[in-house]
Amino acid sequence: MLQSELLSRIEEIILIAVLELGDNAYGVTIRAYVEDALKRKCSIGAIYVPLERLAERGFLSYRDAEPTQERGGRSKRMYTVTAKGVTALREVQRLHESLWSNIANVIPAFN
């Protein structure tokens, strides 16, 4: 994977959220997942900007669900992780494992 393809931490968390949420992955549920994972509140922009960036880069796809009355006739944008997104997550996992194993060799207290 090219360095420009590496995921930021928030992108990584969002992709994991979408995977775990499955058919229920839309802005509000993704935001709640991220807030729970980080143990802090996130602005709407902190979620929607990376969602759009991930979609533009081909890591996510989305479809608009049917509009509902409870949402004032608006539809939810439902997200799905693409094969490219899964590959990016696997790559960042390998990077984390490699970095942490190197630290464990340098600082025994991390073992």
N, C-alpha and C. Protein backbone atom coordinates (compact mmCIF):
# COMPACT_ATOMS: atom_id res chain seq x y z
N MET A 1 0.85 -1.18 0.00
CA MET A 1 0.00 0.00 0.00
C MET A 1 0.89 1.24 0.00
N LEU A 2 0.55 2.21 -0.79
CA LEU A 2 1.30 3.45 -0.85
C LEU A 2 1.11 4.24 0.44
N GLN A 3 2.13 5.01 0.81
CA GLN A 3 2.03 5.79 2.04
C GLN A 3 0.82 6.72 1.98
N SER A 4 0.51 7.26 0.80
CA SER A 4 -0.64 8.15 0.68
C SER A 4 -1.95 7.42 0.91
N GLU A 5 -1.92 6.09 0.88
CA GLU A 5 -3.11 5.29 1.10
C GLU A 5 -3.28 4.90 2.56
N LEU A 6 -2.30 5.21 3.40
CA LEU A 6 -2.41 4.86 4.81
C LEU A 6 -3.61 5.59 5.43
N LEU A 7 -4.23 4.93 6.36
CA LEU A 7 -5.39 5.49 7.04
C LEU A 7 -4.96 6.34 8.23
N SER A 8 -5.69 7.41 8.47
CA SER A 8 -5.51 8.15 9.71
C SER A 8 -6.20 7.34 10.81
N ARG A 9 -5.95 7.68 12.05
CA ARG A 9 -6.56 6.95 13.17
C ARG A 9 -8.09 7.04 13.10
N ILE A 10 -8.63 8.24 12.83
CA ILE A 10 -10.08 8.37 12.78
C ILE A 10 -10.65 7.59 11.60
N GLU A 11 -9.96 7.55 10.47
CA GLU A 11 -10.42 6.75 9.34
C GLU A 11 -10.44 5.27 9.69
N GLU A 12 -9.42 4.83 10.38
CA GLU A 12 -9.36 3.44 10.82
C GLU A 12 -10.55 3.10 11.72
N ILE A 13 -10.80 3.95 12.71
CA ILE A 13 -11.90 3.71 13.64
C ILE A 13 -13.24 3.72 12.90
N ILE A 14 -13.41 4.64 11.96
CA ILE A 14 -14.66 4.71 11.21
C ILE A 14 -14.86 3.46 10.36
N LEU A 15 -13.82 2.98 9.70
CA LEU A 15 -13.96 1.76 8.90
C LEU A 15 -14.33 0.57 9.79
N ILE A 16 -13.70 0.48 10.95
CA ILE A 16 -14.04 -0.60 11.88
C ILE A 16 -15.49 -0.46 12.34
N ALA A 17 -15.91 0.77 12.61
CA ALA A 17 -17.31 1.01 13.02
C ALA A 17 -18.27 0.53 11.95
N VAL A 18 -18.00 0.88 10.70
CA VAL A 18 -18.88 0.49 9.59
C VAL A 18 -18.93 -1.03 9.47
N LEU A 19 -17.79 -1.68 9.61
CA LEU A 19 -17.77 -3.15 9.57
C LEU A 19 -18.62 -3.74 10.69
N GLU A 20 -18.42 -3.26 11.89
CA GLU A 20 -19.15 -3.81 13.03
C GLU A 20 -20.64 -3.49 12.98
N LEU A 21 -21.00 -2.31 12.51
CA LEU A 21 -22.40 -1.92 12.46
C LEU A 21 -23.17 -2.61 11.34
N GLY A 22 -22.47 -3.07 10.33
CA GLY A 22 -23.11 -3.80 9.23
C GLY A 22 -24.23 -3.00 8.57
N ASP A 23 -25.41 -3.58 8.50
CA ASP A 23 -26.55 -2.94 7.82
C ASP A 23 -27.08 -1.72 8.57
N ASN A 24 -26.53 -1.43 9.73
CA ASN A 24 -26.99 -0.29 10.51
C ASN A 24 -25.94 0.83 10.53
N ALA A 25 -25.06 0.86 9.52
CA ALA A 25 -23.97 1.85 9.48
C ALA A 25 -24.40 3.10 8.72
N TYR A 26 -24.80 4.11 9.47
CA TYR A 26 -25.10 5.42 8.90
C TYR A 26 -24.56 6.46 9.87
N GLY A 27 -24.57 7.71 9.49
CA GLY A 27 -23.89 8.76 10.23
C GLY A 27 -24.07 8.75 11.73
N VAL A 28 -25.32 8.69 12.19
CA VAL A 28 -25.60 8.76 13.63
C VAL A 28 -25.03 7.56 14.37
N THR A 29 -25.20 6.37 13.84
CA THR A 29 -24.70 5.17 14.53
C THR A 29 -23.18 5.10 14.48
N ILE A 30 -22.61 5.56 13.37
CA ILE A 30 -21.15 5.59 13.26
C ILE A 30 -20.57 6.56 14.28
N ARG A 31 -21.19 7.73 14.38
CA ARG A 31 -20.74 8.74 15.34
C ARG A 31 -20.82 8.19 16.77
N ALA A 32 -21.91 7.52 17.12
CA ALA A 32 -22.07 6.94 18.45
C ALA A 32 -20.99 5.89 18.72
N TYR A 33 -20.70 5.07 17.72
CA TYR A 33 -19.66 4.04 17.86
C TYR A 33 -18.31 4.70 18.13
N VAL A 34 -17.97 5.72 17.35
CA VAL A 34 -16.68 6.41 17.49
C VAL A 34 -16.59 7.09 18.85
N GLU A 35 -17.66 7.75 19.27
CA GLU A 35 -17.65 8.41 20.58
C GLU A 35 -17.46 7.40 21.70
N ASP A 36 -18.10 6.25 21.58
CA ASP A 36 -17.95 5.20 22.59
C ASP A 36 -16.51 4.66 22.60
N ALA A 37 -15.94 4.46 21.41
CA ALA A 37 -14.57 3.94 21.31
C ALA A 37 -13.56 4.93 21.88
N LEU A 38 -13.76 6.21 21.59
CA LEU A 38 -12.81 7.24 22.04
C LEU A 38 -13.11 7.78 23.43
N LYS A 39 -14.29 7.46 23.94
CA LYS A 39 -14.73 7.95 25.26
C LYS A 39 -14.76 9.47 25.32
N ARG A 40 -15.20 10.07 24.20
CA ARG A 40 -15.38 11.52 24.16
C ARG A 40 -16.33 11.88 23.03
N LYS A 41 -16.89 13.07 23.11
CA LYS A 41 -17.82 13.55 22.09
C LYS A 41 -17.05 13.93 20.83
N CYS A 42 -17.70 13.74 19.69
CA CYS A 42 -17.13 14.12 18.40
C CYS A 42 -18.11 15.03 17.68
N SER A 43 -17.60 16.04 17.02
CA SER A 43 -18.48 16.90 16.24
C SER A 43 -18.98 16.13 15.02
N ILE A 44 -20.04 16.62 14.44
CA ILE A 44 -20.58 15.99 13.24
C ILE A 44 -19.52 16.00 12.13
N GLY A 45 -18.83 17.11 11.99
CA GLY A 45 -17.80 17.23 10.96
C GLY A 45 -16.65 16.26 11.15
N ALA A 46 -16.36 15.93 12.42
CA ALA A 46 -15.27 14.99 12.70
C ALA A 46 -15.59 13.60 12.18
N ILE A 47 -16.86 13.32 11.92
CA ILE A 47 -17.28 12.04 11.39
C ILE A 47 -17.58 12.13 9.89
N TYR A 48 -18.35 13.12 9.49
CA TYR A 48 -18.78 13.19 8.09
C TYR A 48 -17.66 13.55 7.12
N VAL A 49 -16.71 14.37 7.53
CA VAL A 49 -15.60 14.70 6.63
C VAL A 49 -14.78 13.44 6.31
N PRO A 50 -14.35 12.66 7.33
CA PRO A 50 -13.63 11.43 7.00
C PRO A 50 -14.49 10.41 6.25
N LEU A 51 -15.80 10.35 6.54
CA LEU A 51 -16.67 9.44 5.79
C LEU A 51 -16.63 9.77 4.30
N GLU A 52 -16.75 11.04 3.98
CA GLU A 52 -16.70 11.46 2.57
C GLU A 52 -15.34 11.17 1.96
N ARG A 53 -14.27 11.44 2.71
CA ARG A 53 -12.92 11.19 2.22
C ARG A 53 -12.71 9.69 1.96
N LEU A 54 -13.19 8.85 2.86
CA LEU A 54 -13.07 7.40 2.68
C LEU A 54 -13.85 6.93 1.46
N ALA A 55 -15.01 7.51 1.23
CA ALA A 55 -15.81 7.16 0.05
C ALA A 55 -15.10 7.61 -1.22
N GLU A 56 -14.56 8.82 -1.22
CA GLU A 56 -13.84 9.34 -2.39
C GLU A 56 -12.63 8.48 -2.72
N ARG A 57 -11.97 7.95 -1.70
CA ARG A 57 -10.76 7.13 -1.90
C ARG A 57 -11.10 5.68 -2.23
N GLY A 58 -12.38 5.33 -2.20
CA GLY A 58 -12.81 3.99 -2.56
C GLY A 58 -12.78 2.98 -1.43
N PHE A 59 -12.63 3.44 -0.19
CA PHE A 59 -12.61 2.55 0.97
C PHE A 59 -14.02 2.25 1.48
N LEU A 60 -14.96 3.12 1.16
CA LEU A 60 -16.36 2.95 1.54
C LEU A 60 -17.22 3.14 0.31
N SER A 61 -18.35 2.45 0.30
CA SER A 61 -19.40 2.76 -0.67
C SER A 61 -20.63 3.13 0.16
N TYR A 62 -21.60 3.74 -0.48
CA TYR A 62 -22.81 4.10 0.24
C TYR A 62 -24.01 4.08 -0.69
N ARG A 63 -25.15 4.00 -0.05
CA ARG A 63 -26.41 4.10 -0.77
C ARG A 63 -27.35 4.89 0.13
N ASP A 64 -28.29 5.56 -0.49
CA ASP A 64 -29.28 6.30 0.27
C ASP A 64 -30.48 5.40 0.51
N ALA A 65 -30.85 5.24 1.78
CA ALA A 65 -32.01 4.42 2.14
C ALA A 65 -33.29 5.19 1.79
N GLU A 66 -34.39 4.49 1.85
CA GLU A 66 -35.68 5.13 1.60
C GLU A 66 -35.93 6.23 2.64
N PRO A 67 -36.48 7.36 2.23
CA PRO A 67 -36.82 8.42 3.19
C PRO A 67 -37.87 7.92 4.19
N THR A 68 -37.79 8.43 5.40
CA THR A 68 -38.76 8.04 6.43
C THR A 68 -39.43 9.28 7.01
N GLN A 69 -40.65 9.10 7.51
CA GLN A 69 -41.38 10.21 8.13
C GLN A 69 -40.68 10.69 9.39
N GLU A 70 -40.14 9.74 10.16
CA GLU A 70 -39.48 10.13 11.40
C GLU A 70 -38.26 10.99 11.18
N ARG A 71 -37.72 10.98 9.97
CA ARG A 71 -36.57 11.83 9.62
C ARG A 71 -37.01 13.02 8.78
N GLY A 72 -38.30 13.33 8.83
CA GLY A 72 -38.80 14.47 8.08
C GLY A 72 -38.71 14.29 6.57
N GLY A 73 -38.81 13.03 6.12
CA GLY A 73 -38.75 12.75 4.69
C GLY A 73 -37.34 12.63 4.13
N ARG A 74 -36.35 12.72 5.00
CA ARG A 74 -34.96 12.58 4.55
C ARG A 74 -34.55 11.12 4.61
N SER A 75 -33.58 10.78 3.79
CA SER A 75 -33.09 9.40 3.80
C SER A 75 -31.75 9.33 4.52
N LYS A 76 -31.43 8.15 5.03
CA LYS A 76 -30.14 7.90 5.65
C LYS A 76 -29.16 7.47 4.58
N ARG A 77 -27.92 7.86 4.72
CA ARG A 77 -26.86 7.37 3.85
C ARG A 77 -26.23 6.17 4.55
N MET A 78 -26.40 5.01 3.96
CA MET A 78 -25.92 3.76 4.55
C MET A 78 -24.55 3.42 3.95
N TYR A 79 -23.59 3.12 4.80
CA TYR A 79 -22.21 2.88 4.37
C TYR A 79 -21.84 1.41 4.44
N THR A 80 -20.95 1.02 3.54
CA THR A 80 -20.40 -0.34 3.49
C THR A 80 -18.91 -0.24 3.20
N VAL A 81 -18.11 -1.05 3.87
CA VAL A 81 -16.67 -1.09 3.61
C VAL A 81 -16.44 -1.89 2.33
N THR A 82 -15.63 -1.36 1.44
CA THR A 82 -15.29 -2.05 0.18
C THR A 82 -14.11 -2.99 0.40
N ALA A 83 -13.82 -3.78 -0.61
CA ALA A 83 -12.65 -4.67 -0.55
C ALA A 83 -11.38 -3.84 -0.36
N LYS A 84 -11.32 -2.69 -1.00
CA LYS A 84 -10.16 -1.82 -0.84
C LYS A 84 -10.06 -1.32 0.61
N GLY A 85 -11.19 -1.07 1.24
CA GLY A 85 -11.21 -0.65 2.64
C GLY A 85 -10.73 -1.75 3.57
N VAL A 86 -11.15 -2.98 3.30
CA VAL A 86 -10.69 -4.12 4.11
C VAL A 86 -9.18 -4.29 3.96
N THR A 87 -8.68 -4.16 2.75
CA THR A 87 -7.24 -4.26 2.51
C THR A 87 -6.49 -3.16 3.28
N ALA A 88 -7.03 -1.95 3.27
CA ALA A 88 -6.40 -0.85 4.00
C ALA A 88 -6.38 -1.13 5.50
N LEU A 89 -7.46 -1.69 6.03
CA LEU A 89 -7.49 -2.02 7.45
C LEU A 89 -6.47 -3.11 7.79
N ARG A 90 -6.37 -4.11 6.93
CA ARG A 90 -5.39 -5.18 7.18
C ARG A 90 -3.97 -4.62 7.15
N GLU A 91 -3.72 -3.70 6.23
CA GLU A 91 -2.39 -3.10 6.12
C GLU A 91 -2.05 -2.27 7.36
N VAL A 92 -3.00 -1.50 7.83
CA VAL A 92 -2.73 -0.69 9.02
C VAL A 92 -2.58 -1.58 10.25
N GLN A 93 -3.30 -2.71 10.29
CA GLN A 93 -3.13 -3.67 11.38
C GLN A 93 -1.71 -4.24 11.36
N ARG A 94 -1.24 -4.62 10.16
CA ARG A 94 0.13 -5.14 10.05
C ARG A 94 1.15 -4.09 10.48
N LEU A 95 0.93 -2.85 10.09
CA LEU A 95 1.83 -1.76 10.47
C LEU A 95 1.86 -1.61 11.99
N HIS A 96 0.68 -1.59 12.63
CA HIS A 96 0.62 -1.48 14.09
C HIS A 96 1.36 -2.63 14.76
N GLU A 97 1.10 -3.84 14.30
CA GLU A 97 1.75 -5.01 14.89
C GLU A 97 3.26 -4.93 14.75
N SER A 98 3.73 -4.50 13.59
CA SER A 98 5.16 -4.38 13.36
C SER A 98 5.78 -3.31 14.27
N LEU A 99 5.13 -2.17 14.34
CA LEU A 99 5.65 -1.09 15.18
C LEU A 99 5.69 -1.50 16.65
N TRP A 100 4.60 -2.12 17.13
CA TRP A 100 4.56 -2.53 18.53
C TRP A 100 5.55 -3.64 18.83
N SER A 101 5.77 -4.54 17.89
CA SER A 101 6.75 -5.60 18.14
C SER A 101 8.15 -5.01 18.21
N ASN A 102 8.42 -3.98 17.42
CA ASN A 102 9.72 -3.32 17.50
C ASN A 102 9.91 -2.64 18.85
N ILE A 103 8.88 -1.99 19.35
CA ILE A 103 8.95 -1.33 20.65
C ILE A 103 9.18 -2.36 21.75
N ALA A 104 8.50 -3.49 21.66
CA ALA A 104 8.64 -4.54 22.67
C ALA A 104 10.08 -5.03 22.74
N ASN A 105 10.79 -5.03 21.63
CA ASN A 105 12.19 -5.45 21.62
C ASN A 105 13.10 -4.41 22.25
N VAL A 106 12.71 -3.16 22.18
CA VAL A 106 13.54 -2.06 22.71
C VAL A 106 13.24 -1.81 24.18
N ILE A 107 11.98 -1.87 24.55
CA ILE A 107 11.56 -1.57 25.91
C ILE A 107 10.87 -2.80 26.48
N PRO A 108 11.58 -3.62 27.25
CA PRO A 108 11.00 -4.87 27.76
C PRO A 108 9.71 -4.68 28.56
N ALA A 109 9.50 -3.52 29.14
CA ALA A 109 8.30 -3.30 29.94
C ALA A 109 7.02 -3.38 29.11
N PHE A 110 7.12 -3.26 27.79
CA PHE A 110 5.96 -3.33 26.91
C PHE A 110 5.55 -4.75 26.62
N ASN A 111 6.35 -5.72 27.01
CA ASN A 111 6.00 -7.13 26.76
C ASN A 111 4.89 -7.61 27.65
